[in-house]
Amino acid sequence: MDKTILLMIVGMAVVTYIPRMIPLVALSQLNLPVFVQNVLRNVPYATLGALIFPGILLISEDIWFGVIGALVAAVVAYFGANVIVVVMSSILALVVYGVLF
């Protein structure tokens, strides 16, 4: 491997690591109010929803394809199934929908 490429990889790793580490170290001793902690706990779910929702609507020309897959996944996940079971049940529902329609 070329030395320049190796230095670029190390440099990118450092540049990525520093912005993640500084808040962790600087804010680790800070006690946030309960309201702020609750808001921050929900950020990953909101972000995940914002990333997934457009994909549900744009997965196919048939909008029902994404809606049915999302509904089946939501129902199966609501009943506490494992992630693999949720994904496989959604895929199975879409296969059945694709064959029937």
PDB file of N, CA and C in Angstrom:
ATOM      1  N   MET A   1       0.843  -1.178   0.000  1.00  0.00           N
ATOM      2  CA  MET A   1       0.000   0.000   0.000  1.00  0.00           C
ATOM      3  C   MET A   1       0.883   1.235   0.000  1.00  0.00           C
ATOM      4  N   ASP A   2       0.481   2.201  -0.741  1.00  0.00           N
ATOM      5  CA  ASP A   2       1.233   3.447  -0.856  1.00  0.00           C
ATOM      6  C   ASP A   2       1.189   4.208   0.474  1.00  0.00           C
ATOM      7  N   LYS A   3       2.304   4.842   0.832  1.00  0.00           N
ATOM      8  CA  LYS A   3       2.401   5.579   2.088  1.00  0.00           C
ATOM      9  C   LYS A   3       1.402   6.741   2.134  1.00  0.00           C
ATOM     10  N   THR A   4       1.152   7.369   1.015  1.00  0.00           N
ATOM     11  CA  THR A   4       0.217   8.493   0.964  1.00  0.00           C
ATOM     12  C   THR A   4      -1.199   8.042   1.310  1.00  0.00           C
ATOM     13  N   ILE A   5      -1.596   6.899   0.786  1.00  0.00           N
ATOM     14  CA  ILE A   5      -2.937   6.385   1.071  1.00  0.00           C
ATOM     15  C   ILE A   5      -3.063   6.024   2.547  1.00  0.00           C
ATOM     16  N   LEU A   6      -2.035   5.411   3.096  1.00  0.00           N
ATOM     17  CA  LEU A   6      -2.056   5.051   4.510  1.00  0.00           C
ATOM     18  C   LEU A   6      -2.151   6.300   5.386  1.00  0.00           C
ATOM     19  N   LEU A   7      -1.418   7.347   5.056  1.00  0.00           N
ATOM     20  CA  LEU A   7      -1.498   8.597   5.812  1.00  0.00           C
ATOM     21  C   LEU A   7      -2.872   9.241   5.680  1.00  0.00           C
ATOM     22  N   MET A   8      -3.471   9.143   4.514  1.00  0.00           N
ATOM     23  CA  MET A   8      -4.816   9.688   4.336  1.00  0.00           C
ATOM     24  C   MET A   8      -5.833   8.939   5.200  1.00  0.00           C
ATOM     25  N   ILE A   9      -5.708   7.626   5.275  1.00  0.00           N
ATOM     26  CA  ILE A   9      -6.623   6.825   6.084  1.00  0.00           C
ATOM     27  C   ILE A   9      -6.465   7.174   7.560  1.00  0.00           C
ATOM     28  N   VAL A  10      -5.235   7.281   8.022  1.00  0.00           N
ATOM     29  CA  VAL A  10      -4.983   7.647   9.420  1.00  0.00           C
ATOM     30  C   VAL A  10      -5.503   9.061   9.693  1.00  0.00           C
ATOM     31  N   GLY A  11      -5.269   9.984   8.775  1.00  0.00           N
ATOM     32  CA  GLY A  11      -5.748  11.352   8.948  1.00  0.00           C
ATOM     33  C   GLY A  11      -7.263  11.418   9.016  1.00  0.00           C
ATOM     34  N   MET A  12      -7.943  10.670   8.145  1.00  0.00           N
ATOM     35  CA  MET A  12      -9.405  10.654   8.171  1.00  0.00           C
ATOM     36  C   MET A  12      -9.921  10.030   9.463  1.00  0.00           C
ATOM     37  N   ALA A  13      -9.230   9.027   9.969  1.00  0.00           N
ATOM     38  CA  ALA A  13      -9.634   8.403  11.226  1.00  0.00           C
ATOM     39  C   ALA A  13      -9.514   9.398  12.383  1.00  0.00           C
ATOM     40  N   VAL A  14      -8.425  10.145  12.411  1.00  0.00           N
ATOM     41  CA  VAL A  14      -8.226  11.132  13.478  1.00  0.00           C
ATOM     42  C   VAL A  14      -9.271  12.244  13.381  1.00  0.00           C
ATOM     43  N   VAL A  15      -9.509  12.730  12.169  1.00  0.00           N
ATOM     44  CA  VAL A  15     -10.476  13.812  11.972  1.00  0.00           C
ATOM     45  C   VAL A  15     -11.891  13.343  12.332  1.00  0.00           C
ATOM     46  N   THR A  16     -12.207  12.091  12.136  1.00  0.00           N
ATOM     47  CA  THR A  16     -13.515  11.563  12.500  1.00  0.00           C
ATOM     48  C   THR A  16     -13.606  11.304  14.002  1.00  0.00           C
ATOM     49  N   TYR A  17     -12.530  10.854  14.595  1.00  0.00           N
ATOM     50  CA  TYR A  17     -12.528  10.482  16.011  1.00  0.00           C
ATOM     51  C   TYR A  17     -12.605  11.699  16.930  1.00  0.00           C
ATOM     52  N   ILE A  18     -11.895  12.752  16.609  1.00  0.00           N
ATOM     53  CA  ILE A  18     -11.817  13.922  17.489  1.00  0.00           C
ATOM     54  C   ILE A  18     -13.188  14.567  17.733  1.00  0.00           C
ATOM     55  N   PRO A  19     -13.988  14.853  16.713  1.00  0.00           N
ATOM     56  CA  PRO A  19     -15.294  15.464  17.008  1.00  0.00           C
ATOM     57  C   PRO A  19     -16.232  14.570  17.814  1.00  0.00           C
ATOM     58  N   ARG A  20     -16.019  13.295  17.771  1.00  0.00           N
ATOM     59  CA  ARG A  20     -16.857  12.395  18.566  1.00  0.00           C
ATOM     60  C   ARG A  20     -16.353  12.286  19.999  1.00  0.00           C
ATOM     61  N   MET A  21     -15.063  12.398  20.185  1.00  0.00           N
ATOM     62  CA  MET A  21     -14.480  12.208  21.504  1.00  0.00           C
ATOM     63  C   MET A  21     -14.563  13.466  22.365  1.00  0.00           C
ATOM     64  N   ILE A  22     -14.417  14.642  21.778  1.00  0.00           N
ATOM     65  CA  ILE A  22     -14.406  15.880  22.561  1.00  0.00           C
ATOM     66  C   ILE A  22     -15.706  16.054  23.359  1.00  0.00           C
ATOM     67  N   PRO A  23     -16.890  15.928  22.752  1.00  0.00           N
ATOM     68  CA  PRO A  23     -18.098  16.066  23.583  1.00  0.00           C
ATOM     69  C   PRO A  23     -18.218  14.989  24.647  1.00  0.00           C
ATOM     70  N   LEU A  24     -17.771  13.795  24.336  1.00  0.00           N
ATOM     71  CA  LEU A  24     -17.847  12.714  25.307  1.00  0.00           C
ATOM     72  C   LEU A  24     -17.007  13.031  26.542  1.00  0.00           C
ATOM     73  N   VAL A  25     -15.811  13.515  26.330  1.00  0.00           N
ATOM     74  CA  VAL A  25     -14.926  13.837  27.446  1.00  0.00           C
ATOM     75  C   VAL A  25     -15.371  15.119  28.141  1.00  0.00           C
ATOM     76  N   ALA A  26     -15.720  16.134  27.372  1.00  0.00           N
ATOM     77  CA  ALA A  26     -16.058  17.435  27.945  1.00  0.00           C
ATOM     78  C   ALA A  26     -17.387  17.401  28.695  1.00  0.00           C
ATOM     79  N   LEU A  27     -18.337  16.630  28.223  1.00  0.00           N
ATOM     80  CA  LEU A  27     -19.666  16.634  28.823  1.00  0.00           C
ATOM     81  C   LEU A  27     -19.940  15.446  29.738  1.00  0.00           C
ATOM     82  N   SER A  28     -18.946  14.602  29.967  1.00  0.00           N
ATOM     83  CA  SER A  28     -19.182  13.404  30.782  1.00  0.00           C
ATOM     84  C   SER A  28     -19.485  13.747  32.240  1.00  0.00           C
ATOM     85  N   GLN A  29     -18.972  14.853  32.747  1.00  0.00           N
ATOM     86  CA  GLN A  29     -19.208  15.244  34.134  1.00  0.00           C
ATOM     87  C   GLN A  29     -20.430  16.137  34.296  1.00  0.00           C
ATOM     88  N   LEU A  30     -21.052  16.536  33.205  1.00  0.00           N
ATOM     89  CA  LEU A  30     -22.184  17.449  33.230  1.00  0.00           C
ATOM     90  C   LEU A  30     -23.474  16.688  33.519  1.00  0.00           C
ATOM     91  N   ASN A  31     -24.240  17.166  34.494  1.00  0.00           N
ATOM     92  CA  ASN A  31     -25.535  16.566  34.810  1.00  0.00           C
ATOM     93  C   ASN A  31     -26.627  17.365  34.116  1.00  0.00           C
ATOM     94  N   LEU A  32     -27.268  16.750  33.155  1.00  0.00           N
ATOM     95  CA  LEU A  32     -28.320  17.416  32.396  1.00  0.00           C
ATOM     96  C   LEU A  32     -29.655  17.256  33.107  1.00  0.00           C
ATOM     97  N   PRO A  33     -30.560  18.229  32.926  1.00  0.00           N
ATOM     98  CA  PRO A  33     -31.900  18.074  33.508  1.00  0.00           C
ATOM     99  C   PRO A  33     -32.609  16.852  32.916  1.00  0.00           C
ATOM    100  N   VAL A  34     -33.557  16.328  33.653  1.00  0.00           N
ATOM    101  CA  VAL A  34     -34.271  15.115  33.239  1.00  0.00           C
ATOM    102  C   VAL A  34     -34.973  15.329  31.900  1.00  0.00           C
ATOM    103  N   PHE A  35     -35.557  16.504  31.692  1.00  0.00           N
ATOM    104  CA  PHE A  35     -36.248  16.788  30.436  1.00  0.00           C
ATOM    105  C   PHE A  35     -35.286  16.685  29.256  1.00  0.00           C
ATOM    106  N   VAL A  36     -34.100  17.253  29.382  1.00  0.00           N
ATOM    107  CA  VAL A  36     -33.110  17.217  28.299  1.00  0.00           C
ATOM    108  C   VAL A  36     -32.646  15.782  28.063  1.00  0.00           C
ATOM    109  N   GLN A  37     -32.465  15.017  29.134  1.00  0.00           N
ATOM    110  CA  GLN A  37     -32.069  13.606  28.982  1.00  0.00           C
ATOM    111  C   GLN A  37     -33.138  12.823  28.229  1.00  0.00           C
ATOM    112  N   ASN A  38     -34.416  13.089  28.538  1.00  0.00           N
ATOM    113  CA  ASN A  38     -35.502  12.391  27.839  1.00  0.00           C
ATOM    114  C   ASN A  38     -35.549  12.766  26.363  1.00  0.00           C
ATOM    115  N   VAL A  39     -35.334  14.041  26.060  1.00  0.00           N
ATOM    116  CA  VAL A  39     -35.313  14.475  24.669  1.00  0.00           C
ATOM    117  C   VAL A  39     -34.158  13.809  23.925  1.00  0.00           C
ATOM    118  N   LEU A  40     -32.978  13.794  24.529  1.00  0.00           N
ATOM    119  CA  LEU A  40     -31.813  13.197  23.877  1.00  0.00           C
ATOM    120  C   LEU A  40     -31.957  11.695  23.709  1.00  0.00           C
ATOM    121  N   ARG A  41     -32.688  11.041  24.604  1.00  0.00           N
ATOM    122  CA  ARG A  41     -32.920   9.605  24.459  1.00  0.00           C
ATOM    123  C   ARG A  41     -33.776   9.290  23.234  1.00  0.00           C
ATOM    124  N   ASN A  42     -34.625  10.225  22.829  1.00  0.00           N
ATOM    125  CA  ASN A  42     -35.525   9.997  21.696  1.00  0.00           C
ATOM    126  C   ASN A  42     -34.943  10.422  20.358  1.00  0.00           C
ATOM    127  N   VAL A  43     -33.805  11.069  20.350  1.00  0.00           N
ATOM    128  CA  VAL A  43     -33.193  11.527  19.096  1.00  0.00           C
ATOM    129  C   VAL A  43     -32.901  10.366  18.138  1.00  0.00           C
ATOM    130  N   PRO A  44     -32.338   9.243  18.593  1.00  0.00           N
ATOM    131  CA  PRO A  44     -32.086   8.152  17.634  1.00  0.00           C
ATOM    132  C   PRO A  44     -33.355   7.634  16.967  1.00  0.00           C
ATOM    133  N   TYR A  45     -34.458   7.564  17.700  1.00  0.00           N
ATOM    134  CA  TYR A  45     -35.706   7.080  17.108  1.00  0.00           C
ATOM    135  C   TYR A  45     -36.238   8.068  16.078  1.00  0.00           C
ATOM    136  N   ALA A  46     -36.156   9.340  16.387  1.00  0.00           N
ATOM    137  CA  ALA A  46     -36.623  10.363  15.441  1.00  0.00           C
ATOM    138  C   ALA A  46     -35.776  10.355  14.177  1.00  0.00           C
ATOM    139  N   THR A  47     -34.474  10.207  14.345  1.00  0.00           N
ATOM    140  CA  THR A  47     -33.576  10.163  13.192  1.00  0.00           C
ATOM    141  C   THR A  47     -33.850   8.927  12.341  1.00  0.00           C
ATOM    142  N   LEU A  48     -34.027   7.803  12.993  1.00  0.00           N
ATOM    143  CA  LEU A  48     -34.317   6.568  12.270  1.00  0.00           C
ATOM    144  C   LEU A  48     -35.625   6.685  11.498  1.00  0.00           C
ATOM    145  N   GLY A  49     -36.631   7.272  12.117  1.00  0.00           N
ATOM    146  CA  GLY A  49     -37.901   7.480  11.431  1.00  0.00           C
ATOM    147  C   GLY A  49     -37.761   8.396  10.231  1.00  0.00           C
ATOM    148  N   ALA A  50     -36.963   9.450  10.386  1.00  0.00           N
ATOM    149  CA  ALA A  50     -36.760  10.387   9.276  1.00  0.00           C
ATOM    150  C   ALA A  50     -36.006   9.733   8.126  1.00  0.00           C
ATOM    151  N   LEU A  51     -35.169   8.771   8.413  1.00  0.00           N
ATOM    152  CA  LEU A  51     -34.435   8.082   7.361  1.00  0.00           C
ATOM    153  C   LEU A  51     -35.279   6.996   6.684  1.00  0.00           C
ATOM    154  N   ILE A  52     -36.125   6.329   7.448  1.00  0.00           N
ATOM    155  CA  ILE A  52     -36.882   5.198   6.923  1.00  0.00           C
ATOM    156  C   ILE A  52     -38.138   5.631   6.181  1.00  0.00           C
ATOM    157  N   PHE A  53     -38.849   6.641   6.673  1.00  0.00           N
ATOM    158  CA  PHE A  53     -40.155   7.008   6.107  1.00  0.00           C
ATOM    159  C   PHE A  53     -40.109   7.327   4.614  1.00  0.00           C
ATOM    160  N   PRO A  54     -39.154   8.135   4.129  1.00  0.00           N
ATOM    161  CA  PRO A  54     -39.121   8.375   2.673  1.00  0.00           C
ATOM    162  C   PRO A  54     -38.876   7.095   1.867  1.00  0.00           C
ATOM    163  N   GLY A  55     -38.086   6.186   2.416  1.00  0.00           N
ATOM    164  CA  GLY A  55     -37.836   4.920   1.735  1.00  0.00           C
ATOM    165  C   GLY A  55     -39.080   4.071   1.616  1.00  0.00           C
ATOM    166  N   ILE A  56     -39.956   4.160   2.618  1.00  0.00           N
ATOM    167  CA  ILE A  56     -41.210   3.410   2.573  1.00  0.00           C
ATOM    168  C   ILE A  56     -42.062   3.900   1.408  1.00  0.00           C
ATOM    169  N   LEU A  57     -42.103   5.204   1.227  1.00  0.00           N
ATOM    170  CA  LEU A  57     -42.955   5.763   0.181  1.00  0.00           C
ATOM    171  C   LEU A  57     -42.347   5.660  -1.210  1.00  0.00           C
ATOM    172  N   LEU A  58     -41.028   5.568  -1.297  1.00  0.00           N
ATOM    173  CA  LEU A  58     -40.370   5.604  -2.603  1.00  0.00           C
ATOM    174  C   LEU A  58     -39.745   4.283  -3.021  1.00  0.00           C
ATOM    175  N   ILE A  59     -40.056   3.193  -2.327  1.00  0.00           N
ATOM    176  CA  ILE A  59     -39.407   1.916  -2.623  1.00  0.00           C
ATOM    177  C   ILE A  59     -39.831   1.360  -3.977  1.00  0.00           C
ATOM    178  N   SER A  60     -41.042   1.677  -4.396  1.00  0.00           N
ATOM    179  CA  SER A  60     -41.574   1.144  -5.648  1.00  0.00           C
ATOM    180  C   SER A  60     -42.549   2.160  -6.229  1.00  0.00           C
ATOM    181  N   GLU A  61     -42.913   1.954  -7.483  1.00  0.00           N
ATOM    182  CA  GLU A  61     -43.932   2.813  -8.082  1.00  0.00           C
ATOM    183  C   GLU A  61     -45.285   2.609  -7.412  1.00  0.00           C
ATOM    184  N   ASP A  62     -45.517   1.402  -6.932  1.00  0.00           N
ATOM    185  CA  ASP A  62     -46.745   1.089  -6.200  1.00  0.00           C
ATOM    186  C   ASP A  62     -46.528   1.463  -4.737  1.00  0.00           C
ATOM    187  N   ILE A  63     -47.187   2.511  -4.276  1.00  0.00           N
ATOM    188  CA  ILE A  63     -46.977   3.003  -2.917  1.00  0.00           C
ATOM    189  C   ILE A  63     -47.404   1.969  -1.874  1.00  0.00           C
ATOM    190  N   TRP A  64     -48.366   1.111  -2.229  1.00  0.00           N
ATOM    191  CA  TRP A  64     -48.826   0.097  -1.275  1.00  0.00           C
ATOM    192  C   TRP A  64     -47.752  -0.928  -0.960  1.00  0.00           C
ATOM    193  N   PHE A  65     -46.798  -1.088  -1.846  1.00  0.00           N
ATOM    194  CA  PHE A  65     -45.708  -2.032  -1.608  1.00  0.00           C
ATOM    195  C   PHE A  65     -44.951  -1.644  -0.340  1.00  0.00           C
ATOM    196  N   GLY A  66     -44.592  -0.387  -0.226  1.00  0.00           N
ATOM    197  CA  GLY A  66     -43.878   0.076   0.963  1.00  0.00           C
ATOM    198  C   GLY A  66     -44.758   0.152   2.189  1.00  0.00           C
ATOM    199  N   VAL A  67     -46.009   0.568   1.999  1.00  0.00           N
ATOM    200  CA  VAL A  67     -46.923   0.713   3.126  1.00  0.00           C
ATOM    201  C   VAL A  67     -47.232  -0.647   3.751  1.00  0.00           C
ATOM    202  N   ILE A  68     -47.493  -1.636   2.931  1.00  0.00           N
ATOM    203  CA  ILE A  68     -47.778  -2.979   3.458  1.00  0.00           C
ATOM    204  C   ILE A  68     -46.560  -3.540   4.188  1.00  0.00           C
ATOM    205  N   GLY A  69     -45.390  -3.400   3.606  1.00  0.00           N
ATOM    206  CA  GLY A  69     -44.180  -3.882   4.270  1.00  0.00           C
ATOM    207  C   GLY A  69     -43.952  -3.206   5.611  1.00  0.00           C
ATOM    208  N   ALA A  70     -44.165  -1.897   5.671  1.00  0.00           N
ATOM    209  CA  ALA A  70     -43.977  -1.157   6.923  1.00  0.00           C
ATOM    210  C   ALA A  70     -45.014  -1.551   7.971  1.00  0.00           C
ATOM    211  N   LEU A  71     -46.265  -1.722   7.533  1.00  0.00           N
ATOM    212  CA  LEU A  71     -47.320  -2.104   8.479  1.00  0.00           C
ATOM    213  C   LEU A  71     -47.085  -3.495   9.059  1.00  0.00           C
ATOM    214  N   VAL A  72     -46.722  -4.426   8.207  1.00  0.00           N
ATOM    215  CA  VAL A  72     -46.447  -5.788   8.693  1.00  0.00           C
ATOM    216  C   VAL A  72     -45.268  -5.763   9.665  1.00  0.00           C
ATOM    217  N   ALA A  73     -44.225  -5.042   9.321  1.00  0.00           N
ATOM    218  CA  ALA A  73     -43.063  -4.947  10.202  1.00  0.00           C
ATOM    219  C   ALA A  73     -43.433  -4.295  11.533  1.00  0.00           C
ATOM    220  N   ALA A  74     -44.246  -3.249  11.495  1.00  0.00           N
ATOM    221  CA  ALA A  74     -44.640  -2.567  12.730  1.00  0.00           C
ATOM    222  C   ALA A  74     -45.482  -3.468  13.625  1.00  0.00           C
ATOM    223  N   VAL A  75     -46.413  -4.207  13.029  1.00  0.00           N
ATOM    224  CA  VAL A  75     -47.270  -5.093  13.820  1.00  0.00           C
ATOM    225  C   VAL A  75     -46.452  -6.220  14.444  1.00  0.00           C
ATOM    226  N   VAL A  76     -45.594  -6.828  13.666  1.00  0.00           N
ATOM    227  CA  VAL A  76     -44.781  -7.934  14.196  1.00  0.00           C
ATOM    228  C   VAL A  76     -43.821  -7.415  15.268  1.00  0.00           C
ATOM    229  N   ALA A  77     -43.237  -6.246  15.067  1.00  0.00           N
ATOM    230  CA  ALA A  77     -42.335  -5.671  16.065  1.00  0.00           C
ATOM    231  C   ALA A  77     -43.093  -5.291  17.332  1.00  0.00           C
ATOM    232  N   TYR A  78     -44.335  -4.842  17.188  1.00  0.00           N
ATOM    233  CA  TYR A  78     -45.141  -4.473  18.351  1.00  0.00           C
ATOM    234  C   TYR A  78     -45.340  -5.664  19.286  1.00  0.00           C
ATOM    235  N   PHE A  79     -45.481  -6.838  18.714  1.00  0.00           N
ATOM    236  CA  PHE A  79     -45.671  -8.030  19.528  1.00  0.00           C
ATOM    237  C   PHE A  79     -44.363  -8.588  20.077  1.00  0.00           C
ATOM    238  N   GLY A  80     -43.264  -7.886  19.871  1.00  0.00           N
ATOM    239  CA  GLY A  80     -42.000  -8.231  20.520  1.00  0.00           C
ATOM    240  C   GLY A  80     -41.153  -9.242  19.798  1.00  0.00           C
ATOM    241  N   ALA A  81     -41.335  -9.392  18.531  1.00  0.00           N
ATOM    242  CA  ALA A  81     -40.539 -10.369  17.776  1.00  0.00           C
ATOM    243  C   ALA A  81     -39.107  -9.875  17.601  1.00  0.00           C
ATOM    244  N   ASN A  82     -38.229 -10.797  17.355  1.00  0.00           N
ATOM    245  CA  ASN A  82     -36.830 -10.512  17.079  1.00  0.00           C
ATOM    246  C   ASN A  82     -36.725  -9.729  15.760  1.00  0.00           C
ATOM    247  N   VAL A  83     -35.655  -8.981  15.600  1.00  0.00           N
ATOM    248  CA  VAL A  83     -35.468  -8.160  14.402  1.00  0.00           C
ATOM    249  C   VAL A  83     -35.482  -9.017  13.142  1.00  0.00           C
ATOM    250  N   ILE A  84     -34.859 -10.174  13.192  1.00  0.00           N
ATOM    251  CA  ILE A  84     -34.827 -11.065  12.031  1.00  0.00           C
ATOM    252  C   ILE A  84     -36.240 -11.505  11.662  1.00  0.00           C
ATOM    253  N   VAL A  85     -37.052 -11.800  12.662  1.00  0.00           N
ATOM    254  CA  VAL A  85     -38.438 -12.217  12.411  1.00  0.00           C
ATOM    255  C   VAL A  85     -39.225 -11.061  11.800  1.00  0.00           C
ATOM    256  N   VAL A  86     -38.993  -9.856  12.279  1.00  0.00           N
ATOM    257  CA  VAL A  86     -39.679  -8.679  11.740  1.00  0.00           C
ATOM    258  C   VAL A  86     -39.329  -8.501  10.264  1.00  0.00           C
ATOM    259  N   VAL A  87     -38.052  -8.562   9.942  1.00  0.00           N
ATOM    260  CA  VAL A  87     -37.606  -8.368   8.559  1.00  0.00           C
ATOM    261  C   VAL A  87     -38.140  -9.490   7.666  1.00  0.00           C
ATOM    262  N   MET A  88     -38.027 -10.722   8.125  1.00  0.00           N
ATOM    263  CA  MET A  88     -38.477 -11.849   7.307  1.00  0.00           C
ATOM    264  C   MET A  88     -39.996 -11.829   7.099  1.00  0.00           C
ATOM    265  N   SER A  89     -40.757 -11.432   8.109  1.00  0.00           N
ATOM    266  CA  SER A  89     -42.209 -11.367   7.944  1.00  0.00           C
ATOM    267  C   SER A  89     -42.597 -10.266   6.964  1.00  0.00           C
ATOM    268  N   SER A  90     -41.886  -9.158   7.001  1.00  0.00           N
ATOM    269  CA  SER A  90     -42.149  -8.088   6.048  1.00  0.00           C
ATOM    270  C   SER A  90     -41.817  -8.531   4.624  1.00  0.00           C
ATOM    271  N   ILE A  91     -40.712  -9.208   4.465  1.00  0.00           N
ATOM    272  CA  ILE A  91     -40.329  -9.722   3.141  1.00  0.00           C
ATOM    273  C   ILE A  91     -41.357 -10.729   2.647  1.00  0.00           C
ATOM    274  N   LEU A  92     -41.792 -11.618   3.515  1.00  0.00           N
ATOM    275  CA  LEU A  92     -42.793 -12.612   3.134  1.00  0.00           C
ATOM    276  C   LEU A  92     -44.105 -11.942   2.713  1.00  0.00           C
ATOM    277  N   ALA A  93     -44.519 -10.932   3.464  1.00  0.00           N
ATOM    278  CA  ALA A  93     -45.747 -10.218   3.114  1.00  0.00           C
ATOM    279  C   ALA A  93     -45.617  -9.543   1.753  1.00  0.00           C
ATOM    280  N   LEU A  94     -44.464  -9.003   1.454  1.00  0.00           N
ATOM    281  CA  LEU A  94     -44.258  -8.341   0.169  1.00  0.00           C
ATOM    282  C   LEU A  94     -44.162  -9.338  -0.979  1.00  0.00           C
ATOM    283  N   VAL A  95     -43.623 -10.504  -0.710  1.00  0.00           N
ATOM    284  CA  VAL A  95     -43.601 -11.553  -1.726  1.00  0.00           C
ATOM    285  C   VAL A  95     -45.037 -11.971  -2.058  1.00  0.00           C
ATOM    286  N   VAL A  96     -45.833 -12.182  -1.033  1.00  0.00           N
ATOM    287  CA  VAL A  96     -47.231 -12.564  -1.238  1.00  0.00           C
ATOM    288  C   VAL A  96     -47.970 -11.450  -1.988  1.00  0.00           C
ATOM    289  N   TYR A  97     -47.767 -10.211  -1.566  1.00  0.00           N
ATOM    290  CA  TYR A  97     -48.404  -9.072  -2.268  1.00  0.00           C
ATOM    291  C   TYR A  97     -47.954  -8.996  -3.724  1.00  0.00           C
ATOM    292  N   GLY A  98     -46.673  -9.202  -3.957  1.00  0.00           N
ATOM    293  CA  GLY A  98     -46.154  -9.159  -5.326  1.00  0.00           C
ATOM    294  C   GLY A  98     -46.712 -10.257  -6.212  1.00  0.00           C
ATOM    295  N   VAL A  99     -46.917 -11.434  -5.641  1.00  0.00           N
ATOM    296  CA  VAL A  99     -47.454 -12.547  -6.421  1.00  0.00           C
ATOM    297  C   VAL A  99     -48.950 -12.337  -6.700  1.00  0.00           C
ATOM    298  N   LEU A 100     -49.678 -11.843  -5.710  1.00  0.00           N
ATOM    299  CA  LEU A 100     -51.121 -11.661  -5.867  1.00  0.00           C
ATOM    300  C   LEU A 100     -51.491 -10.460  -6.719  1.00  0.00           C
ATOM    301  N   PHE A 101     -50.695  -9.414  -6.658  1.00  0.00           N
ATOM    302  CA  PHE A 101     -51.045  -8.207  -7.399  1.00  0.00           C
ATOM    303  C   PHE A 101     -49.961  -7.919  -8.380  1.00  0.00           C
TER     304      PHE A 101
END
